[in-house]
N, C-alpha and C. Protein backbone atom coordinates (compact mmCIF):
# COMPACT_ATOMS: atom_id res chain seq x y z
N MET A 1 -29.51 78.55 -7.80
CA MET A 1 -29.99 77.81 -6.69
C MET A 1 -30.40 76.42 -7.10
N ASN A 2 -29.59 75.88 -7.77
CA ASN A 2 -29.84 74.54 -8.24
C ASN A 2 -29.11 73.54 -7.36
N GLN A 3 -29.31 73.67 -6.19
CA GLN A 3 -28.63 72.78 -5.27
C GLN A 3 -29.43 71.50 -5.09
N ARG A 4 -28.68 70.49 -5.05
CA ARG A 4 -29.32 69.21 -4.77
C ARG A 4 -29.45 69.04 -3.27
N GLN A 5 -30.58 68.51 -2.93
CA GLN A 5 -30.75 68.25 -1.51
C GLN A 5 -30.38 66.80 -1.25
N LYS A 6 -29.58 66.64 -0.25
CA LYS A 6 -29.15 65.30 0.13
C LYS A 6 -30.27 64.65 0.93
N PRO A 7 -30.49 63.30 0.70
CA PRO A 7 -31.47 62.64 1.53
C PRO A 7 -31.03 62.65 2.98
N THR A 8 -31.94 62.68 3.80
CA THR A 8 -31.62 62.71 5.22
C THR A 8 -30.86 61.46 5.56
N SER A 9 -29.74 61.58 6.15
CA SER A 9 -28.91 60.41 6.45
C SER A 9 -29.51 59.58 7.58
N LYS A 10 -30.29 60.16 8.43
CA LYS A 10 -30.90 59.41 9.52
C LYS A 10 -31.90 58.38 9.00
N ALA A 11 -32.68 58.72 8.00
CA ALA A 11 -33.65 57.80 7.42
C ALA A 11 -32.92 56.63 6.77
N GLY A 12 -31.84 56.86 6.10
CA GLY A 12 -31.04 55.80 5.46
C GLY A 12 -30.44 54.87 6.50
N LYS A 13 -29.98 55.41 7.58
CA LYS A 13 -29.41 54.59 8.65
C LYS A 13 -30.50 53.75 9.32
N ASP A 14 -31.69 54.30 9.48
CA ASP A 14 -32.79 53.55 10.10
C ASP A 14 -33.18 52.35 9.23
N ASP A 15 -33.23 52.56 7.91
CA ASP A 15 -33.57 51.45 7.01
C ASP A 15 -32.51 50.36 7.05
N THR A 16 -31.25 50.73 7.05
CA THR A 16 -30.17 49.76 7.11
C THR A 16 -30.19 49.00 8.42
N LEU A 17 -30.39 49.71 9.51
CA LEU A 17 -30.45 49.07 10.83
C LEU A 17 -31.63 48.10 10.89
N GLN A 18 -32.78 48.49 10.34
CA GLN A 18 -33.96 47.62 10.33
C GLN A 18 -33.67 46.35 9.52
N THR A 19 -33.01 46.46 8.39
CA THR A 19 -32.66 45.31 7.54
C THR A 19 -31.70 44.38 8.26
N VAL A 20 -30.71 44.92 8.90
CA VAL A 20 -29.72 44.12 9.63
C VAL A 20 -30.41 43.38 10.79
N LEU A 21 -31.22 44.06 11.55
CA LEU A 21 -31.91 43.43 12.68
C LEU A 21 -32.87 42.32 12.19
N THR A 22 -33.60 42.58 11.13
CA THR A 22 -34.51 41.57 10.58
C THR A 22 -33.73 40.35 10.12
N THR A 23 -32.63 40.56 9.45
CA THR A 23 -31.78 39.46 8.99
C THR A 23 -31.25 38.64 10.16
N LEU A 24 -30.79 39.31 11.21
CA LEU A 24 -30.29 38.61 12.39
C LEU A 24 -31.38 37.79 13.06
N VAL A 25 -32.59 38.34 13.16
CA VAL A 25 -33.70 37.62 13.78
C VAL A 25 -34.05 36.38 12.95
N VAL A 26 -34.11 36.53 11.63
CA VAL A 26 -34.43 35.41 10.75
C VAL A 26 -33.37 34.32 10.86
N ILE A 27 -32.11 34.68 10.86
CA ILE A 27 -31.02 33.70 10.97
C ILE A 27 -31.09 32.98 12.33
N THR A 28 -31.36 33.72 13.39
CA THR A 28 -31.46 33.13 14.73
C THR A 28 -32.62 32.13 14.79
N VAL A 29 -33.77 32.50 14.26
CA VAL A 29 -34.93 31.60 14.26
C VAL A 29 -34.64 30.35 13.45
N LEU A 30 -34.01 30.50 12.29
CA LEU A 30 -33.67 29.34 11.46
C LEU A 30 -32.69 28.42 12.16
N LEU A 31 -31.68 28.98 12.81
CA LEU A 31 -30.70 28.16 13.54
C LEU A 31 -31.35 27.43 14.71
N ALA A 32 -32.18 28.14 15.47
CA ALA A 32 -32.86 27.51 16.60
C ALA A 32 -33.81 26.42 16.11
N GLY A 33 -34.53 26.66 15.04
CA GLY A 33 -35.44 25.66 14.48
C GLY A 33 -34.68 24.45 13.97
N GLY A 34 -33.56 24.68 13.30
CA GLY A 34 -32.73 23.57 12.82
C GLY A 34 -32.18 22.74 13.97
N ALA A 35 -31.74 23.40 15.03
CA ALA A 35 -31.22 22.67 16.19
C ALA A 35 -32.34 21.88 16.86
N GLY A 36 -33.55 22.46 16.93
CA GLY A 36 -34.68 21.74 17.52
C GLY A 36 -35.06 20.51 16.71
N VAL A 37 -35.08 20.62 15.40
CA VAL A 37 -35.40 19.47 14.54
C VAL A 37 -34.32 18.40 14.69
N TYR A 38 -33.06 18.81 14.71
CA TYR A 38 -31.97 17.85 14.88
C TYR A 38 -32.10 17.12 16.22
N TRP A 39 -32.38 17.84 17.29
CA TRP A 39 -32.53 17.23 18.61
C TRP A 39 -33.74 16.30 18.65
N TRP A 40 -34.85 16.70 18.02
CA TRP A 40 -36.09 15.91 18.03
C TRP A 40 -35.89 14.55 17.38
N PHE A 41 -35.12 14.50 16.31
CA PHE A 41 -34.95 13.26 15.55
C PHE A 41 -33.75 12.42 15.98
N GLN A 42 -33.09 12.83 17.04
CA GLN A 42 -31.98 12.02 17.54
C GLN A 42 -32.51 10.73 18.15
N PRO A 43 -31.85 9.58 17.88
CA PRO A 43 -32.34 8.33 18.48
C PRO A 43 -32.17 8.35 19.99
N GLU A 44 -33.09 7.68 20.65
CA GLU A 44 -33.04 7.59 22.11
C GLU A 44 -31.81 6.77 22.51
N LEU A 45 -31.14 7.18 23.56
CA LEU A 45 -29.99 6.44 24.03
C LEU A 45 -30.45 5.11 24.63
N SER A 46 -29.79 4.05 24.25
CA SER A 46 -30.15 2.72 24.72
C SER A 46 -29.29 2.36 25.93
N THR A 47 -29.96 1.97 27.01
CA THR A 47 -29.24 1.57 28.22
C THR A 47 -29.69 0.16 28.63
N PRO A 48 -28.82 -0.58 29.30
CA PRO A 48 -29.23 -1.91 29.76
C PRO A 48 -30.36 -1.80 30.78
N ILE A 49 -31.28 -2.75 30.73
CA ILE A 49 -32.43 -2.72 31.62
C ILE A 49 -32.84 -4.16 31.96
N MET A 50 -33.32 -4.36 33.17
CA MET A 50 -33.89 -5.64 33.58
C MET A 50 -35.40 -5.47 33.54
N VAL A 51 -36.05 -6.22 32.66
CA VAL A 51 -37.50 -6.13 32.50
C VAL A 51 -38.16 -7.27 33.25
N GLN A 52 -39.09 -6.93 34.12
CA GLN A 52 -39.87 -7.94 34.83
C GLN A 52 -41.17 -8.11 34.03
N VAL A 53 -41.24 -9.24 33.29
CA VAL A 53 -42.39 -9.51 32.44
C VAL A 53 -43.38 -10.36 33.22
N LYS A 54 -44.58 -9.84 33.39
CA LYS A 54 -45.64 -10.60 34.06
C LYS A 54 -46.62 -11.06 32.99
N ILE A 55 -46.98 -12.33 33.04
CA ILE A 55 -47.90 -12.88 32.06
C ILE A 55 -49.31 -12.89 32.63
N ASP A 56 -50.26 -12.38 31.86
CA ASP A 56 -51.68 -12.42 32.20
C ASP A 56 -52.28 -13.48 31.29
N ASN A 57 -52.20 -14.72 31.74
CA ASN A 57 -52.48 -15.88 30.91
C ASN A 57 -53.97 -16.20 30.83
N HIS A 58 -54.52 -16.08 29.62
CA HIS A 58 -55.91 -16.43 29.38
C HIS A 58 -56.00 -17.63 28.44
N CYS A 59 -54.94 -18.42 28.40
CA CYS A 59 -54.93 -19.64 27.60
C CYS A 59 -55.07 -20.82 28.56
N GLU A 60 -55.46 -21.93 28.03
CA GLU A 60 -55.58 -23.13 28.86
C GLU A 60 -54.27 -23.91 28.85
N VAL A 61 -53.18 -23.20 28.84
CA VAL A 61 -51.84 -23.78 28.82
C VAL A 61 -51.07 -23.18 29.98
N ALA A 62 -50.21 -23.95 30.60
CA ALA A 62 -49.43 -23.48 31.75
C ALA A 62 -48.50 -22.33 31.33
N ASN A 63 -48.19 -21.46 32.28
CA ASN A 63 -47.29 -20.33 32.02
C ASN A 63 -45.93 -20.79 31.52
N GLU A 64 -45.49 -21.96 31.95
CA GLU A 64 -44.18 -22.48 31.56
C GLU A 64 -44.11 -22.82 30.07
N ALA A 65 -45.25 -22.82 29.38
CA ALA A 65 -45.26 -23.08 27.94
C ALA A 65 -44.93 -21.81 27.14
N PHE A 66 -44.67 -20.70 27.86
CA PHE A 66 -44.36 -19.43 27.21
C PHE A 66 -42.98 -18.97 27.62
N MET A 67 -42.44 -18.02 26.86
CA MET A 67 -41.20 -17.35 27.24
C MET A 67 -41.28 -15.90 26.78
N ALA A 68 -40.53 -15.04 27.45
CA ALA A 68 -40.47 -13.63 27.09
C ALA A 68 -39.27 -13.41 26.19
N ILE A 69 -39.44 -12.60 25.17
CA ILE A 69 -38.37 -12.33 24.21
C ILE A 69 -38.31 -10.84 23.95
N SER A 70 -37.10 -10.34 23.68
CA SER A 70 -36.96 -8.95 23.29
C SER A 70 -36.33 -8.90 21.90
N GLU A 71 -36.68 -7.86 21.19
CA GLU A 71 -36.04 -7.65 19.90
C GLU A 71 -35.57 -6.22 19.82
N PRO A 72 -34.52 -5.93 19.18
CA PRO A 72 -33.84 -6.73 18.18
C PRO A 72 -32.73 -7.62 18.73
N ASP A 73 -32.45 -7.58 20.02
CA ASP A 73 -31.30 -8.33 20.54
C ASP A 73 -31.55 -9.83 20.71
N GLY A 74 -32.81 -10.26 20.72
CA GLY A 74 -33.13 -11.69 20.81
C GLY A 74 -32.97 -12.29 22.19
N ALA A 75 -32.87 -11.46 23.22
CA ALA A 75 -32.77 -11.99 24.59
C ALA A 75 -34.05 -12.72 24.93
N LYS A 76 -33.94 -13.81 25.71
CA LYS A 76 -35.13 -14.56 26.10
C LYS A 76 -35.04 -14.98 27.55
N ALA A 77 -36.21 -15.18 28.16
CA ALA A 77 -36.29 -15.62 29.55
C ALA A 77 -37.54 -16.48 29.69
N TYR A 78 -37.41 -17.55 30.47
CA TYR A 78 -38.52 -18.46 30.69
C TYR A 78 -39.31 -18.02 31.91
N PHE A 79 -40.59 -18.34 31.91
CA PHE A 79 -41.47 -17.97 33.02
C PHE A 79 -41.33 -18.97 34.16
N SER A 80 -41.29 -18.41 35.36
CA SER A 80 -41.38 -19.18 36.58
C SER A 80 -42.60 -18.62 37.29
N GLY A 81 -43.66 -19.41 37.30
CA GLY A 81 -44.93 -18.86 37.78
C GLY A 81 -45.44 -17.89 36.74
N ASP A 82 -45.74 -16.67 37.15
CA ASP A 82 -46.21 -15.71 36.16
C ASP A 82 -45.18 -14.62 35.85
N LEU A 83 -43.92 -14.83 36.25
CA LEU A 83 -42.87 -13.83 36.02
C LEU A 83 -41.70 -14.39 35.23
N ALA A 84 -41.12 -13.51 34.41
CA ALA A 84 -39.87 -13.81 33.71
C ALA A 84 -39.00 -12.56 33.81
N LEU A 85 -37.72 -12.73 34.09
CA LEU A 85 -36.79 -11.61 34.18
C LEU A 85 -35.94 -11.59 32.92
N LEU A 86 -36.01 -10.51 32.19
CA LEU A 86 -35.40 -10.40 30.87
C LEU A 86 -34.38 -9.27 30.86
N ARG A 87 -33.13 -9.62 30.56
CA ARG A 87 -32.08 -8.59 30.43
C ARG A 87 -32.05 -8.13 28.98
N THR A 88 -32.30 -6.84 28.78
CA THR A 88 -32.35 -6.31 27.42
C THR A 88 -31.91 -4.84 27.43
N ARG A 89 -32.30 -4.09 26.42
CA ARG A 89 -31.96 -2.67 26.30
C ARG A 89 -33.25 -1.84 26.41
N SER A 90 -33.11 -0.61 26.84
CA SER A 90 -34.27 0.25 27.07
C SER A 90 -35.04 0.57 25.79
N THR A 91 -34.41 0.46 24.63
CA THR A 91 -35.07 0.76 23.37
C THR A 91 -35.68 -0.48 22.71
N SER A 92 -35.64 -1.62 23.37
CA SER A 92 -36.14 -2.87 22.80
C SER A 92 -37.66 -2.96 22.87
N LYS A 93 -38.18 -3.90 22.12
CA LYS A 93 -39.59 -4.30 22.20
C LYS A 93 -39.63 -5.67 22.86
N VAL A 94 -40.62 -5.89 23.70
CA VAL A 94 -40.74 -7.15 24.45
C VAL A 94 -42.06 -7.81 24.07
N TYR A 95 -42.04 -9.15 23.96
CA TYR A 95 -43.26 -9.88 23.68
C TYR A 95 -43.18 -11.28 24.28
N VAL A 96 -44.32 -11.94 24.34
CA VAL A 96 -44.39 -13.32 24.85
C VAL A 96 -44.62 -14.23 23.66
N ARG A 97 -43.87 -15.31 23.65
CA ARG A 97 -43.98 -16.30 22.59
C ARG A 97 -44.03 -17.68 23.22
N SER A 98 -44.50 -18.64 22.46
CA SER A 98 -44.50 -20.01 22.96
C SER A 98 -43.05 -20.43 23.20
N SER A 99 -42.84 -21.21 24.23
CA SER A 99 -41.50 -21.63 24.62
C SER A 99 -40.91 -22.55 23.56
N ASP A 100 -39.62 -22.40 23.34
CA ASP A 100 -38.93 -23.29 22.40
C ASP A 100 -38.81 -24.71 22.96
N LYS A 101 -39.18 -24.89 24.22
CA LYS A 101 -39.19 -26.24 24.82
C LYS A 101 -40.39 -27.06 24.32
N TYR A 102 -41.40 -26.38 23.76
CA TYR A 102 -42.60 -27.04 23.28
C TYR A 102 -42.84 -26.66 21.81
N PRO A 103 -42.15 -27.29 20.90
CA PRO A 103 -42.24 -26.90 19.49
C PRO A 103 -43.61 -27.15 18.85
N ALA A 104 -44.43 -28.00 19.44
CA ALA A 104 -45.74 -28.30 18.86
C ALA A 104 -46.73 -27.16 19.11
N PHE A 105 -46.43 -26.29 20.04
CA PHE A 105 -47.32 -25.20 20.43
C PHE A 105 -46.78 -23.90 19.87
N TYR A 106 -47.66 -23.05 19.32
CA TYR A 106 -47.19 -21.77 18.80
C TYR A 106 -48.13 -20.65 19.27
N PHE A 107 -47.51 -19.60 19.81
CA PHE A 107 -48.24 -18.40 20.21
C PHE A 107 -47.26 -17.24 20.17
N GLU A 108 -47.78 -16.05 19.81
CA GLU A 108 -46.96 -14.85 19.84
C GLU A 108 -47.86 -13.66 20.13
N SER A 109 -47.47 -12.87 21.14
CA SER A 109 -48.27 -11.69 21.54
C SER A 109 -47.80 -10.46 20.77
N PRO A 110 -48.55 -9.39 20.85
CA PRO A 110 -48.08 -8.12 20.30
C PRO A 110 -46.85 -7.62 21.08
N ARG A 111 -46.05 -6.81 20.45
CA ARG A 111 -44.84 -6.25 21.07
C ARG A 111 -45.19 -5.00 21.87
N VAL A 112 -44.47 -4.82 22.98
CA VAL A 112 -44.63 -3.62 23.82
C VAL A 112 -43.24 -3.05 24.08
N ASP A 113 -43.19 -1.77 24.42
CA ASP A 113 -41.92 -1.12 24.75
C ASP A 113 -41.36 -1.68 26.05
N ALA A 114 -40.05 -1.85 26.08
CA ALA A 114 -39.38 -2.33 27.29
C ALA A 114 -39.52 -1.30 28.40
N ALA A 115 -39.79 -1.78 29.60
CA ALA A 115 -39.87 -0.95 30.80
C ALA A 115 -39.48 -1.83 31.97
N LYS A 116 -39.32 -1.26 33.14
CA LYS A 116 -38.91 -2.06 34.30
C LYS A 116 -39.92 -3.17 34.59
N GLN A 117 -41.20 -2.88 34.41
CA GLN A 117 -42.25 -3.88 34.62
C GLN A 117 -43.25 -3.78 33.47
N VAL A 118 -43.54 -4.91 32.86
CA VAL A 118 -44.57 -4.96 31.82
C VAL A 118 -45.47 -6.17 32.08
N THR A 119 -46.73 -6.04 31.74
CA THR A 119 -47.67 -7.15 31.82
C THR A 119 -48.17 -7.41 30.42
N ILE A 120 -48.08 -8.67 30.00
CA ILE A 120 -48.50 -9.04 28.65
C ILE A 120 -49.60 -10.09 28.76
N LYS A 121 -50.70 -9.82 28.09
CA LYS A 121 -51.86 -10.71 28.12
C LYS A 121 -51.74 -11.74 27.00
N THR A 122 -52.01 -12.99 27.33
CA THR A 122 -52.03 -14.04 26.31
C THR A 122 -53.47 -14.53 26.17
N GLU A 123 -53.96 -14.49 24.96
CA GLU A 123 -55.30 -15.00 24.65
C GLU A 123 -55.16 -15.95 23.47
N CYS A 124 -55.49 -17.19 23.70
CA CYS A 124 -55.38 -18.21 22.66
C CYS A 124 -56.75 -18.48 22.07
N GLN A 125 -56.75 -18.83 20.80
CA GLN A 125 -57.99 -19.21 20.13
C GLN A 125 -58.34 -20.63 20.55
N PRO A 126 -59.59 -20.93 20.83
CA PRO A 126 -59.99 -22.25 21.34
C PRO A 126 -59.57 -23.42 20.44
N GLU A 127 -59.72 -23.29 19.13
CA GLU A 127 -59.36 -24.40 18.26
C GLU A 127 -57.85 -24.63 18.25
N ARG A 128 -57.09 -23.58 18.37
CA ARG A 128 -55.64 -23.72 18.42
C ARG A 128 -55.22 -24.41 19.72
N ILE A 129 -55.88 -24.07 20.83
CA ILE A 129 -55.56 -24.70 22.12
C ILE A 129 -55.82 -26.20 22.05
N GLN A 130 -56.95 -26.57 21.45
CA GLN A 130 -57.29 -27.98 21.37
C GLN A 130 -56.22 -28.75 20.60
N ARG A 131 -55.79 -28.20 19.47
CA ARG A 131 -54.74 -28.85 18.69
C ARG A 131 -53.44 -28.93 19.48
N THR A 132 -53.13 -27.86 20.22
CA THR A 132 -51.91 -27.83 21.02
C THR A 132 -51.95 -28.87 22.12
N LEU A 133 -53.08 -28.94 22.83
CA LEU A 133 -53.19 -29.92 23.92
C LEU A 133 -53.07 -31.35 23.38
N GLU A 134 -53.67 -31.61 22.24
CA GLU A 134 -53.55 -32.94 21.64
C GLU A 134 -52.11 -33.24 21.26
N SER A 135 -51.44 -32.25 20.72
CA SER A 135 -50.05 -32.42 20.34
C SER A 135 -49.16 -32.64 21.56
N LEU A 136 -49.44 -31.91 22.65
CA LEU A 136 -48.64 -32.09 23.87
C LEU A 136 -48.90 -33.46 24.48
N LYS A 137 -50.12 -33.95 24.41
CA LYS A 137 -50.42 -35.28 24.92
C LYS A 137 -49.59 -36.34 24.17
N LYS A 138 -49.54 -36.19 22.84
CA LYS A 138 -48.76 -37.13 22.03
C LYS A 138 -47.29 -37.05 22.40
N GLN A 139 -46.80 -35.84 22.65
CA GLN A 139 -45.39 -35.64 22.97
C GLN A 139 -45.01 -36.33 24.29
N PHE A 140 -45.91 -36.37 25.26
CA PHE A 140 -45.59 -36.92 26.58
C PHE A 140 -46.05 -38.37 26.75
N GLN A 141 -46.56 -39.01 25.71
CA GLN A 141 -46.98 -40.42 25.82
C GLN A 141 -45.79 -41.33 25.68
């Protein structure tokens, strides 16, 4: 009676099935996670956009002494009153800079994300304004 007893085949099948299912779940989670990371880091699609830039001018200089610029494309628009219409891309940054029509004056605001409407505040330092006004007076004499 030296018979060997065979292991129950049902227990062996259960272990194999558990291993296969665990492997499938792990592979599925890794693939879904990889696809999510890939999607998350995709660059935003850039589309053409018309940005209405409104200037909130706190400088003692006329609005016409400024212009709106976008980067990286370098598009620019001059202010008429307190508005400038700037054709750029949706992924651009927009800022206000001193107009290239007045080289003696220099100002540059922080950059903001392009949107259909943006308002940019200009605040000039008093000593810089005084130098600018003196320079503009000399230019128009």
